[in-house]
Amino acid sequence: MPVSRTTARRGLALVAALPLLAVALTSCGYGSEADKSDSAAVPAAKGKALSADTVKIGYFPNLTHATALVGIQEGLFQKELGGTKVAPSTFNAGPSEIEALNARSIDIGFIGPSPAINGYTQTGGKSLRIIGGSASGGVKLVVNPAKIKTLDDVKGKKIATPQLGNTQDVAFLNWISEKGWKVDAQSGKGDVSVVRTDNKITPDAYKSGSVDGAWVPEPTASKLVAEGAKVLLDESDLWPDKKFVITNIIVSQTFLSEHPDVVEAVLRGSVKTNEWINANEEKAKASANQALKTLSGKALPPEVLDPAWQSIQITNDPLAATLQAEADHAVKAGLLKKPDLNGIYDLGPLNKVLKAAGQPEVADAGLGVK
C-alpha cells in the first residue's frame, strides 16, 4: 500500500500563511511537563576538544526522545565528543526549540516532524537540516470501551487530539476523511467531534467523560489505558512496514557548516546509543525513566512505562518518505500550504557514520540537499 494512501498521517502544524493555526505547534512535547533550558554542561570526557568547545543539544523529556535521554544519561554522546562538552537543554514544545536553534541557544535538536518542517519553511529553507532519525511510532487511538467497540463506532463521538494542526490532529483528520466522514478542520465539528486537549489534561478529560477517546502519542496513550481505556488502533498499522517518523535530529545550518566534525561526533553518539538501546531493552528503559525523573521530578509507573516503551521503535532512519506523506496530508486537510521540502535533509554525515559502523545507509526520499 503506497504511503500516500495510508490512513492517518501525523500531519504538520502550520506555516506562517495560516497564522490562525500557528499556535498548533506549541504542543510537540507529547505530555512532557519540564522546560529546563540552558542546563549545565556535562563534564567533558578526556581527549582533545573538536572544532567547538561545547555543543548545545536540545530535546524533550519524553520517551519518544529516548535517544537523547539515554545517550546523555549514559554519557554515550560525551564519549564520542571527547573534550567537547555536551550542554543539554530540554523543551516542552517544538516552537521553543526551533526558536532556540535560530537564536543559536542550541546547535542540534531532537524534535518532531511538524516543527522541523515549519522551522524549515518559515525561513525559506535556511535555518536547519534534518540529519538523522531517532524514533518511529508511539501514537494510538484509545477509546472508552463502553462507548466505542469498533472503528465505525468512532462516528458521532468526542475524540481528543493534542492541538489544532499538530501532527496527531492532522493524522486523525486524515483518518476521518478516509473513512468517508466529514469534519471541519478548524472547528473540529462534524461527523466526529475533534476536541483539542493538551496531553497533560487529556487523562482527566477522559475520566470526566468530556471525551470518549483520544488520538495521542505516548505516554499519554498508556496513561489513558491505565485509566481503563482500550487501544482501538495503533497508527503504526497504517504505515508501510509499520514505520513513520515521530522524532528527527536537526541541526543549525550554520553550526553544520562551521563544525562538521562535532555534528559527525554527535551522530556517532546517536548511532551507538540507538544500538545500545535496541540491544539492552530493560537497561535502556530504566535509563530513560531515570532521566525523566531527573528532568521532571517524576518517573513513569510500570503500567505506563512498559506499554509506552514497547510501541516506540528506535531508529537511525529519518523515514523521509513518511515526512513527505505527513506534509501531503496536512495540505489535504487544509492546514498547510504546499511546502517546498527540497533540501530539508542532509544525510551525508549520518551515512558516513553508518558506513563506518557497517550499517546500511538511509535515504532522503529525494529531499536531500543538492
Protein backbone atom coordinates (compact mmCIF):
# COMPACT_ATOMS: atom_id res chain seq x y z
CA MET A 1 0.00 0.00 0.00
CA PRO A 2 1.62 3.31 -1.05
CA VAL A 3 2.32 5.86 1.60
CA SER A 4 0.00 8.44 0.03
CA ARG A 5 -2.96 6.15 0.57
CA THR A 6 -2.26 5.06 4.08
CA THR A 7 -4.68 6.48 6.53
CA ALA A 8 -3.73 8.69 9.38
CA ARG A 9 -0.70 10.81 8.88
CA ARG A 10 0.81 12.65 11.73
CA GLY A 11 0.25 15.95 9.99
CA LEU A 12 2.11 19.13 10.30
CA ALA A 13 1.45 22.30 12.12
CA LEU A 14 1.00 25.32 10.02
CA VAL A 15 3.28 27.75 8.33
CA ALA A 16 3.03 31.50 8.52
CA ALA A 17 0.47 31.59 5.72
CA LEU A 18 -2.04 30.20 8.18
CA PRO A 19 -1.48 32.31 11.31
CA LEU A 20 -4.72 31.23 12.98
CA LEU A 21 -3.23 27.77 13.36
CA ALA A 22 0.27 28.78 14.27
CA VAL A 23 -0.49 28.05 17.91
CA ALA A 24 -0.83 24.39 16.99
CA LEU A 25 2.88 23.94 17.03
CA THR A 26 3.12 24.83 20.66
CA SER A 27 2.45 21.27 21.70
CA CYS A 28 5.03 18.87 20.44
CA GLY A 29 6.17 17.90 23.89
CA TYR A 30 3.89 14.86 23.95
CA GLY A 31 2.80 15.36 27.53
CA SER A 32 6.09 16.49 28.97
CA GLU A 33 5.99 18.80 31.94
CA ALA A 34 9.54 20.05 32.27
CA ASP A 35 11.06 23.00 30.50
CA LYS A 36 14.66 23.41 31.50
CA SER A 37 16.81 25.41 29.15
CA ASP A 38 20.50 26.21 29.33
CA SER A 39 21.22 23.40 31.76
CA ALA A 40 24.79 22.90 32.87
CA ALA A 41 27.19 21.25 30.50
CA VAL A 42 28.02 17.62 31.06
CA PRO A 43 31.67 17.29 32.14
CA ALA A 44 33.79 16.67 29.08
CA ALA A 45 35.46 13.34 28.59
CA LYS A 46 39.19 13.04 28.32
CA GLY A 47 40.61 13.95 24.98
CA LYS A 48 41.09 16.89 22.70
CA ALA A 49 38.16 19.17 22.01
CA LEU A 50 36.84 19.20 18.47
CA SER A 51 36.30 22.42 16.49
CA ALA A 52 33.79 23.64 19.10
CA ASP A 53 34.41 23.65 22.84
CA THR A 54 30.73 22.92 23.54
CA VAL A 55 27.77 21.52 21.61
CA LYS A 56 24.32 22.54 22.82
CA ILE A 57 21.75 19.77 22.37
CA GLY A 58 18.00 20.26 22.78
CA TYR A 59 15.34 17.60 23.32
CA PHE A 60 12.08 16.88 25.11
CA PRO A 61 11.72 14.89 28.36
CA ASN A 62 9.65 12.24 26.55
CA LEU A 63 10.09 8.57 25.72
CA THR A 64 9.87 9.47 22.03
CA HIS A 65 13.20 11.24 22.62
CA ALA A 66 14.78 8.16 24.16
CA THR A 67 17.96 8.52 22.09
CA ALA A 68 18.70 11.86 23.73
CA LEU A 69 17.52 10.78 27.17
CA VAL A 70 19.66 7.65 27.22
CA GLY A 71 22.59 9.00 25.24
CA ILE A 72 23.07 11.88 27.65
CA GLN A 73 22.21 9.86 30.77
CA GLU A 74 24.75 7.15 29.89
CA GLY A 75 27.43 9.53 28.60
CA LEU A 76 27.41 7.97 25.14
CA PHE A 77 27.36 11.31 23.32
CA GLN A 78 30.08 12.70 25.53
CA LYS A 79 32.29 9.69 24.87
CA GLU A 80 32.26 10.43 21.14
CA LEU A 81 32.83 14.14 21.65
CA GLY A 82 35.93 13.77 23.79
CA GLY A 83 36.98 17.16 25.10
CA THR A 84 34.00 18.94 23.54
CA LYS A 85 31.36 19.38 26.24
CA VAL A 86 27.68 18.50 25.86
CA ALA A 87 25.34 21.23 27.09
CA PRO A 88 21.81 19.77 27.18
CA SER A 89 18.57 21.75 27.27
CA THR A 90 15.02 20.41 27.45
CA PHE A 91 11.88 21.90 25.93
CA ASN A 92 8.14 21.42 26.26
CA ALA A 93 7.29 22.30 22.69
CA GLY A 94 8.71 22.34 19.21
CA PRO A 95 8.43 26.07 18.52
CA SER A 96 10.54 27.00 21.55
CA GLU A 97 13.20 24.54 20.44
CA ILE A 98 13.16 25.97 16.90
CA GLU A 99 13.45 29.47 18.35
CA ALA A 100 16.41 28.33 20.41
CA LEU A 101 18.03 26.82 17.31
CA ASN A 102 17.52 30.01 15.33
CA ALA A 103 18.92 32.07 18.22
CA ARG A 104 21.92 29.70 18.46
CA SER A 105 20.94 28.81 22.02
CA ILE A 106 21.13 25.21 20.85
CA ASP A 107 23.05 23.72 17.94
CA ILE A 108 21.41 20.33 17.50
CA GLY A 109 17.94 19.19 18.47
CA PHE A 110 15.74 16.14 18.73
CA ILE A 111 12.30 17.17 17.51
CA GLY A 112 9.10 16.02 15.83
CA PRO A 113 8.39 16.41 12.12
CA SER A 114 5.88 19.27 12.40
CA PRO A 115 8.16 21.88 13.98
CA ALA A 116 11.08 20.73 11.84
CA ILE A 117 9.11 21.35 8.67
CA ASN A 118 7.66 24.58 9.99
CA GLY A 119 11.09 25.83 11.00
CA TYR A 120 12.48 24.97 7.59
CA THR A 121 9.67 26.52 5.54
CA GLN A 122 9.31 29.65 7.69
CA THR A 123 12.91 30.59 6.91
CA GLY A 124 12.81 29.69 3.24
CA GLY A 125 14.94 26.62 3.86
CA LYS A 126 17.77 28.49 5.56
CA SER A 127 17.51 27.60 9.26
CA LEU A 128 18.03 23.88 9.67
CA ARG A 129 18.65 20.47 8.17
CA ILE A 130 17.32 17.12 9.29
CA ILE A 131 20.43 14.99 9.73
CA GLY A 132 19.06 11.78 11.19
CA GLY A 133 16.23 9.80 12.65
CA SER A 134 15.58 8.82 16.23
CA ALA A 135 12.16 7.26 16.75
CA SER A 136 9.13 5.86 14.95
CA GLY A 137 5.64 5.07 16.15
CA GLY A 138 4.19 5.56 19.60
CA VAL A 139 0.80 7.01 18.55
CA LYS A 140 -2.53 5.31 19.27
CA LEU A 141 -6.27 5.79 19.13
CA VAL A 142 -7.51 4.84 22.60
CA VAL A 143 -11.20 4.86 23.50
CA ASN A 144 -13.77 4.24 26.19
CA PRO A 145 -14.68 0.58 25.55
CA ALA A 146 -18.17 1.09 27.00
CA LYS A 147 -18.94 3.64 24.27
CA ILE A 148 -16.73 2.58 21.35
CA LYS A 149 -16.23 -1.05 20.42
CA THR A 150 -15.33 -0.79 16.71
CA LEU A 151 -13.70 1.79 14.46
CA ASP A 152 -17.10 2.63 12.96
CA ASP A 153 -18.34 3.50 16.46
CA VAL A 154 -15.99 6.50 16.48
CA LYS A 155 -18.53 8.36 14.33
CA GLY A 156 -20.55 10.71 16.49
CA LYS A 157 -18.12 10.56 19.39
CA LYS A 158 -15.81 13.12 21.03
CA ILE A 159 -12.16 12.32 20.39
CA ALA A 160 -9.26 14.35 21.76
CA THR A 161 -6.14 15.34 19.85
CA PRO A 162 -3.28 17.38 21.35
CA GLN A 163 -3.80 20.63 19.42
CA LEU A 164 -5.30 22.10 16.30
CA GLY A 165 -2.99 21.29 13.40
CA ASN A 166 -0.41 19.29 15.34
CA THR A 167 0.88 16.02 14.00
CA GLN A 168 -1.67 13.76 15.70
CA ASP A 169 -4.52 16.17 14.94
CA VAL A 170 -3.89 16.03 11.21
CA ALA A 171 -3.38 12.27 11.38
CA PHE A 172 -6.84 11.89 12.90
CA LEU A 173 -8.40 14.33 10.42
CA ASN A 174 -6.90 12.35 7.57
CA TRP A 175 -8.14 9.07 9.02
CA ILE A 176 -11.65 10.57 9.36
CA SER A 177 -11.52 11.69 5.73
CA GLU A 178 -10.53 8.25 4.54
CA LYS A 179 -13.45 6.79 6.49
CA GLY A 180 -15.67 8.99 4.33
CA TRP A 181 -16.76 11.18 7.23
CA LYS A 182 -16.79 14.98 7.20
CA VAL A 183 -15.26 17.26 9.83
CA ASP A 184 -14.46 20.95 9.63
CA ALA A 185 -10.73 21.08 10.33
CA GLN A 186 -10.82 24.47 12.01
CA SER A 187 -13.72 23.92 14.41
CA GLY A 188 -13.40 20.16 14.79
CA LYS A 189 -17.17 19.84 14.29
CA GLY A 190 -18.77 17.24 12.06
CA ASP A 191 -19.37 13.52 11.91
CA VAL A 192 -16.79 13.23 14.70
CA SER A 193 -16.16 15.91 17.32
CA VAL A 194 -12.42 16.56 17.39
CA VAL A 195 -11.64 18.06 20.79
CA ARG A 196 -8.23 19.73 21.02
CA THR A 197 -6.95 18.98 24.52
CA ASP A 198 -3.47 19.37 25.98
CA ASN A 199 -1.91 15.96 26.61
CA LYS A 200 -1.33 16.83 30.26
CA ILE A 201 -5.07 17.13 30.92
CA THR A 202 -6.41 14.54 28.46
CA PRO A 203 -6.48 11.77 31.11
CA ASP A 204 -8.63 13.98 33.35
CA ALA A 205 -10.89 14.85 30.41
CA TYR A 206 -11.29 11.14 29.73
CA LYS A 207 -12.06 10.32 33.35
CA SER A 208 -14.69 13.09 33.50
CA GLY A 209 -16.37 11.89 30.30
CA SER A 210 -15.58 15.10 28.43
CA VAL A 211 -14.05 12.98 25.67
CA ASP A 212 -14.77 9.42 24.58
CA GLY A 213 -11.24 8.70 23.43
CA ALA A 214 -8.08 10.26 22.07
CA TRP A 215 -5.62 10.03 19.18
CA VAL A 216 -2.45 10.69 21.13
CA PRO A 217 1.24 9.84 21.43
CA GLU A 218 2.97 8.01 24.24
CA PRO A 219 3.00 8.10 27.15
CA THR A 220 -0.44 9.77 27.10
CA ALA A 221 -1.97 6.77 25.34
CA SER A 222 -0.73 4.38 28.01
CA LYS A 223 -1.83 6.76 30.77
CA LEU A 224 -5.35 6.57 29.33
CA VAL A 225 -5.19 2.79 29.15
CA ALA A 226 -4.20 2.77 32.82
CA GLU A 227 -7.45 4.68 33.42
CA GLY A 228 -9.49 1.96 31.68
CA ALA A 229 -9.30 3.00 28.03
CA LYS A 230 -8.73 0.47 25.26
CA VAL A 231 -6.34 0.71 22.32
CA LEU A 232 -8.56 0.65 19.24
CA LEU A 233 -5.89 1.46 16.65
CA ASP A 234 -2.10 1.76 16.58
CA GLU A 235 -1.11 4.31 13.95
CA SER A 236 1.89 2.18 13.04
CA ASP A 237 -0.54 -0.30 11.48
CA LEU A 238 -1.49 2.33 8.93
CA TRP A 239 2.01 2.75 7.52
CA PRO A 240 4.07 0.55 5.22
CA ASP A 241 6.45 -1.54 7.34
CA LYS A 242 4.63 -0.11 10.39
CA LYS A 243 7.07 2.82 10.50
CA PHE A 244 6.58 6.59 10.47
CA VAL A 245 8.72 9.37 11.83
CA ILE A 246 7.94 10.83 15.24
CA THR A 247 11.39 12.20 16.20
CA ASN A 248 14.16 13.56 13.96
CA ILE A 249 17.57 15.07 14.63
CA ILE A 250 18.00 18.60 13.31
CA VAL A 251 20.98 20.92 13.20
CA SER A 252 21.50 24.60 12.57
CA GLN A 253 22.85 25.02 9.06
CA THR A 254 25.39 27.47 10.44
CA PHE A 255 26.65 25.00 13.02
CA LEU A 256 26.76 22.22 10.44
CA SER A 257 28.86 24.40 8.16
CA GLU A 258 31.21 25.61 10.90
CA HIS A 259 31.57 22.40 12.93
CA PRO A 260 31.02 19.31 10.76
CA ASP A 261 33.33 17.25 12.99
CA VAL A 262 31.15 17.96 16.03
CA VAL A 263 27.99 17.07 14.12
CA GLU A 264 29.55 13.82 12.99
CA ALA A 265 30.57 13.01 16.58
CA VAL A 266 27.02 13.63 17.83
CA LEU A 267 25.69 11.36 15.10
CA ARG A 268 28.17 8.66 16.11
CA GLY A 269 26.87 9.03 19.64
CA SER A 270 23.29 8.76 18.39
CA VAL A 271 24.00 5.63 16.33
CA LYS A 272 25.83 3.97 19.22
CA THR A 273 23.09 4.98 21.66
CA ASN A 274 20.42 3.50 19.41
CA GLU A 275 22.42 0.32 19.08
CA TRP A 276 22.75 0.09 22.88
CA ILE A 277 19.05 0.79 23.42
CA ASN A 278 17.99 -1.91 20.97
CA ALA A 279 20.43 -4.43 22.46
CA ASN A 280 19.62 -3.66 26.12
CA GLU A 281 15.90 -3.02 26.31
CA GLU A 282 15.39 -3.24 30.06
CA LYS A 283 18.51 -1.27 30.94
CA ALA A 284 17.68 1.36 28.34
CA LYS A 285 14.09 1.66 29.55
CA ALA A 286 15.31 2.12 33.12
CA SER A 287 17.87 4.68 31.98
CA ALA A 288 15.26 6.68 30.09
CA ASN A 289 12.91 6.60 33.06
CA GLN A 290 15.67 7.75 35.40
CA ALA A 291 16.38 10.63 33.03
CA LEU A 292 12.69 11.54 33.04
CA LYS A 293 12.67 11.50 36.84
CA THR A 294 15.73 13.75 36.95
CA LEU A 295 14.25 16.20 34.46
CA SER A 296 10.63 16.30 35.60
CA GLY A 297 10.83 15.04 39.16
CA LYS A 298 8.58 12.11 38.38
CA ALA A 299 9.26 8.71 36.84
CA LEU A 300 6.62 6.84 34.86
CA PRO A 301 4.99 3.91 36.68
CA PRO A 302 5.47 0.44 35.13
CA GLU A 303 1.87 0.23 33.89
CA VAL A 304 2.53 3.29 31.75
CA LEU A 305 6.23 2.90 31.01
CA ASP A 306 6.18 -0.69 29.76
CA PRO A 307 3.47 -0.45 27.06
CA ALA A 308 4.62 3.00 26.00
CA TRP A 309 8.18 1.79 25.53
CA GLN A 310 7.03 -1.22 23.53
CA SER A 311 5.19 0.93 20.99
CA ILE A 312 8.18 3.12 20.11
CA GLN A 313 10.84 1.98 17.64
CA ILE A 314 14.30 3.47 17.98
CA THR A 315 15.87 4.01 14.57
CA ASN A 316 18.64 5.87 12.77
CA ASP A 317 16.45 6.19 9.67
CA PRO A 318 14.63 9.53 9.43
CA LEU A 319 11.95 7.81 7.34
CA ALA A 320 11.95 10.66 4.86
CA ALA A 321 9.16 9.31 2.68
CA THR A 322 6.77 9.43 5.64
CA LEU A 323 7.70 13.06 6.32
CA GLN A 324 6.58 13.95 2.80
CA ALA A 325 3.37 11.97 3.29
CA GLU A 326 2.65 13.82 6.51
CA ALA A 327 3.08 17.13 4.72
CA ASP A 328 0.75 15.98 1.95
CA HIS A 329 -1.95 15.07 4.43
CA ALA A 330 -1.66 18.41 6.21
CA VAL A 331 -2.15 20.11 2.82
CA LYS A 332 -5.14 17.85 2.12
CA ALA A 333 -6.68 18.82 5.45
CA GLY A 334 -6.34 22.50 4.57
CA LEU A 335 -3.93 23.17 7.40
CA LEU A 336 -0.80 23.77 5.39
CA LYS A 337 0.04 25.39 2.08
CA LYS A 338 2.04 23.01 -0.04
CA PRO A 339 5.62 23.34 1.25
CA ASP A 340 8.86 23.05 -0.67
CA LEU A 341 10.83 20.49 1.32
CA ASN A 342 13.70 20.14 -1.13
CA GLY A 343 16.95 20.34 0.78
CA ILE A 344 15.47 19.73 4.22
CA TYR A 345 17.68 16.64 4.65
CA ASP A 346 21.45 16.33 4.75
CA LEU A 347 22.11 12.67 5.47
CA GLY A 348 25.69 12.66 4.24
CA PRO A 349 27.24 12.81 7.73
CA LEU A 350 24.92 10.11 9.07
CA ASN A 351 25.56 7.79 6.13
CA LYS A 352 29.29 8.26 6.65
CA VAL A 353 28.86 7.18 10.28
CA LEU A 354 26.63 4.27 9.35
CA LYS A 355 29.01 3.05 6.67
CA ALA A 356 31.93 3.15 9.12
CA ALA A 357 29.83 1.14 11.58
CA GLY A 358 28.96 -1.46 8.95
CA GLN A 359 25.28 -0.48 8.99
CA PRO A 360 23.03 0.22 5.99
CA GLU A 361 22.78 3.77 4.76
CA VAL A 362 19.47 5.66 4.82
CA ALA A 363 17.63 7.56 2.08
CA ASP A 364 16.31 11.12 1.89
CA ALA A 365 13.37 10.38 -0.47
CA GLY A 366 14.69 12.93 -2.95
CA LEU A 367 14.50 15.74 -0.39
CA GLY A 368 18.22 15.98 0.31
CA VAL A 369 20.47 18.97 -0.11
CA LYS A 370 21.87 19.13 -3.63
